[in-house]
Amino acid sequence: MQTESMKQEAYRILDNLPDKATWDDLMYRIYVRQAIETGLKDSDAGRTVDVKEVRKRFELNK
């Protein structure tokens, strides 16, 4: 994410927090946003595993 859009997203996250939010609330939302962005980048780069393969690896074939 480019710096300017990252700053805009940070402001959006802050603006959407309730007035009584804690630092933990803020950090959680930043973490979730970062995890989503990382997942999207991995998906775009083809670094994914089909759900059938995951089920097979973890023996979840029910």
N, C-alpha and C. Protein backbone atom coordinates (compact mmCIF):
# COMPACT_ATOMS: atom_id res chain seq x y z
N MET A 1 0.85 -1.17 0.00
CA MET A 1 0.00 0.00 0.00
C MET A 1 0.89 1.23 0.00
N GLN A 2 0.55 2.20 -0.80
CA GLN A 2 1.33 3.42 -0.86
C GLN A 2 1.16 4.21 0.43
N THR A 3 2.17 5.02 0.75
CA THR A 3 2.17 5.74 2.01
C THR A 3 0.93 6.60 2.20
N GLU A 4 0.55 7.37 1.17
CA GLU A 4 -0.60 8.26 1.31
C GLU A 4 -1.88 7.47 1.55
N SER A 5 -2.10 6.40 0.80
CA SER A 5 -3.32 5.62 1.01
C SER A 5 -3.26 4.89 2.35
N MET A 6 -2.06 4.53 2.81
CA MET A 6 -1.93 3.90 4.12
C MET A 6 -2.33 4.89 5.21
N LYS A 7 -1.89 6.13 5.07
CA LYS A 7 -2.26 7.14 6.05
C LYS A 7 -3.77 7.37 6.03
N GLN A 8 -4.35 7.42 4.86
CA GLN A 8 -5.79 7.61 4.75
C GLN A 8 -6.54 6.45 5.41
N GLU A 9 -6.05 5.24 5.21
CA GLU A 9 -6.68 4.07 5.82
C GLU A 9 -6.53 4.12 7.34
N ALA A 10 -5.38 4.57 7.83
CA ALA A 10 -5.17 4.70 9.27
C ALA A 10 -6.17 5.71 9.86
N TYR A 11 -6.36 6.82 9.17
CA TYR A 11 -7.35 7.79 9.63
C TYR A 11 -8.76 7.21 9.61
N ARG A 12 -9.07 6.41 8.58
CA ARG A 12 -10.39 5.79 8.49
C ARG A 12 -10.61 4.84 9.67
N ILE A 13 -9.58 4.06 9.99
CA ILE A 13 -9.68 3.13 11.13
C ILE A 13 -9.92 3.93 12.41
N LEU A 14 -9.16 5.00 12.62
CA LEU A 14 -9.32 5.83 13.81
C LEU A 14 -10.72 6.45 13.88
N ASP A 15 -11.18 6.95 12.75
CA ASP A 15 -12.50 7.60 12.73
C ASP A 15 -13.63 6.62 13.04
N ASN A 16 -13.43 5.35 12.74
CA ASN A 16 -14.48 4.35 12.96
C ASN A 16 -14.42 3.69 14.34
N LEU A 17 -13.42 4.03 15.12
CA LEU A 17 -13.34 3.49 16.48
C LEU A 17 -14.34 4.22 17.39
N PRO A 18 -14.93 3.51 18.32
CA PRO A 18 -15.80 4.20 19.28
C PRO A 18 -14.97 5.13 20.17
N ASP A 19 -15.61 6.11 20.74
CA ASP A 19 -14.90 7.09 21.58
C ASP A 19 -14.19 6.45 22.76
N LYS A 20 -14.71 5.35 23.26
CA LYS A 20 -14.09 4.71 24.43
C LYS A 20 -13.16 3.56 24.03
N ALA A 21 -12.68 3.56 22.80
CA ALA A 21 -11.78 2.50 22.33
C ALA A 21 -10.46 2.54 23.10
N THR A 22 -9.87 1.37 23.21
CA THR A 22 -8.58 1.24 23.89
C THR A 22 -7.47 1.10 22.85
N TRP A 23 -6.24 1.17 23.33
CA TRP A 23 -5.11 0.92 22.44
C TRP A 23 -5.21 -0.48 21.86
N ASP A 24 -5.67 -1.43 22.66
CA ASP A 24 -5.82 -2.81 22.17
C ASP A 24 -6.84 -2.88 21.03
N ASP A 25 -7.92 -2.11 21.13
CA ASP A 25 -8.91 -2.07 20.05
C ASP A 25 -8.28 -1.57 18.75
N LEU A 26 -7.50 -0.50 18.87
CA LEU A 26 -6.83 0.05 17.70
C LEU A 26 -5.84 -0.94 17.11
N MET A 27 -5.01 -1.53 17.96
CA MET A 27 -4.01 -2.47 17.49
C MET A 27 -4.65 -3.69 16.82
N TYR A 28 -5.77 -4.15 17.36
CA TYR A 28 -6.47 -5.29 16.78
C TYR A 28 -6.95 -4.95 15.37
N ARG A 29 -7.53 -3.79 15.21
CA ARG A 29 -8.04 -3.40 13.88
C ARG A 29 -6.92 -3.22 12.87
N ILE A 30 -5.80 -2.69 13.33
CA ILE A 30 -4.64 -2.57 12.44
C ILE A 30 -4.13 -3.96 12.07
N TYR A 31 -4.05 -4.86 13.03
CA TYR A 31 -3.60 -6.23 12.77
C TYR A 31 -4.51 -6.92 11.75
N VAL A 32 -5.82 -6.80 11.94
CA VAL A 32 -6.76 -7.44 11.02
C VAL A 32 -6.59 -6.88 9.62
N ARG A 33 -6.48 -5.57 9.52
CA ARG A 33 -6.30 -4.93 8.20
C ARG A 33 -5.03 -5.44 7.53
N GLN A 34 -3.94 -5.53 8.28
CA GLN A 34 -2.67 -6.01 7.75
C GLN A 34 -2.78 -7.47 7.32
N ALA A 35 -3.45 -8.28 8.10
CA ALA A 35 -3.62 -9.70 7.75
C ALA A 35 -4.43 -9.85 6.46
N ILE A 36 -5.45 -9.03 6.30
CA ILE A 36 -6.26 -9.07 5.08
C ILE A 36 -5.41 -8.68 3.87
N GLU A 37 -4.66 -7.60 3.99
CA GLU A 37 -3.81 -7.16 2.89
C GLU A 37 -2.78 -8.22 2.52
N THR A 38 -2.18 -8.84 3.52
CA THR A 38 -1.20 -9.89 3.26
C THR A 38 -1.85 -11.07 2.53
N GLY A 39 -3.03 -11.46 2.97
CA GLY A 39 -3.74 -12.55 2.33
C GLY A 39 -4.10 -12.23 0.89
N LEU A 40 -4.52 -11.00 0.63
CA LEU A 40 -4.85 -10.60 -0.74
C LEU A 40 -3.61 -10.62 -1.63
N LYS A 41 -2.49 -10.15 -1.10
CA LYS A 41 -1.24 -10.18 -1.88
C LYS A 41 -0.83 -11.62 -2.18
N ASP A 42 -0.93 -12.50 -1.18
CA ASP A 42 -0.60 -13.91 -1.40
C ASP A 42 -1.51 -14.52 -2.46
N SER A 43 -2.78 -14.20 -2.40
CA SER A 43 -3.72 -14.72 -3.38
C SER A 43 -3.39 -14.21 -4.78
N ASP A 44 -3.11 -12.93 -4.90
CA ASP A 44 -2.75 -12.35 -6.20
C ASP A 44 -1.48 -12.98 -6.77
N ALA A 45 -0.56 -13.37 -5.88
CA ALA A 45 0.70 -13.97 -6.31
C ALA A 45 0.59 -15.48 -6.51
N GLY A 46 -0.59 -16.02 -6.29
CA GLY A 46 -0.79 -17.46 -6.49
C GLY A 46 -0.30 -18.32 -5.34
N ARG A 47 -0.06 -17.72 -4.19
CA ARG A 47 0.41 -18.47 -3.02
C ARG A 47 -0.78 -18.90 -2.18
N THR A 48 -1.58 -19.78 -2.76
CA THR A 48 -2.75 -20.29 -2.06
C THR A 48 -2.78 -21.81 -2.16
N VAL A 49 -3.58 -22.42 -1.32
CA VAL A 49 -3.76 -23.86 -1.34
C VAL A 49 -5.27 -24.12 -1.44
N ASP A 50 -5.64 -24.99 -2.33
CA ASP A 50 -7.05 -25.33 -2.50
C ASP A 50 -7.60 -25.94 -1.22
N VAL A 51 -8.85 -25.62 -0.93
CA VAL A 51 -9.49 -26.10 0.30
C VAL A 51 -9.50 -27.63 0.37
N LYS A 52 -9.62 -28.30 -0.75
CA LYS A 52 -9.59 -29.76 -0.75
C LYS A 52 -8.24 -30.28 -0.27
N GLU A 53 -7.17 -29.61 -0.68
CA GLU A 53 -5.83 -29.99 -0.25
C GLU A 53 -5.64 -29.75 1.25
N VAL A 54 -6.14 -28.65 1.76
CA VAL A 54 -6.06 -28.36 3.19
C VAL A 54 -6.79 -29.43 3.98
N ARG A 55 -8.00 -29.76 3.54
CA ARG A 55 -8.78 -30.80 4.22
C ARG A 55 -8.03 -32.14 4.22
N LYS A 56 -7.38 -32.44 3.11
CA LYS A 56 -6.62 -33.70 3.01
C LYS A 56 -5.43 -33.67 3.97
N ARG A 57 -4.69 -32.57 3.99
CA ARG A 57 -3.50 -32.46 4.85
C ARG A 57 -3.85 -32.58 6.32
N PHE A 58 -4.99 -32.03 6.72
CA PHE A 58 -5.38 -32.04 8.11
C PHE A 58 -6.41 -33.10 8.45
N GLU A 59 -6.59 -34.01 7.51
CA GLU A 59 -7.51 -35.14 7.67
C GLU A 59 -8.90 -34.68 8.10
N LEU A 60 -9.43 -33.72 7.35
CA LEU A 60 -10.75 -33.16 7.61
C LEU A 60 -11.73 -33.56 6.52
N ASN A 61 -11.66 -34.77 6.07
CA ASN A 61 -12.46 -35.24 4.94
C ASN A 61 -13.84 -35.70 5.37
N LYS A 62 -14.52 -34.95 6.15
CA LYS A 62 -15.87 -35.33 6.59
C LYS A 62 -16.90 -34.57 5.82
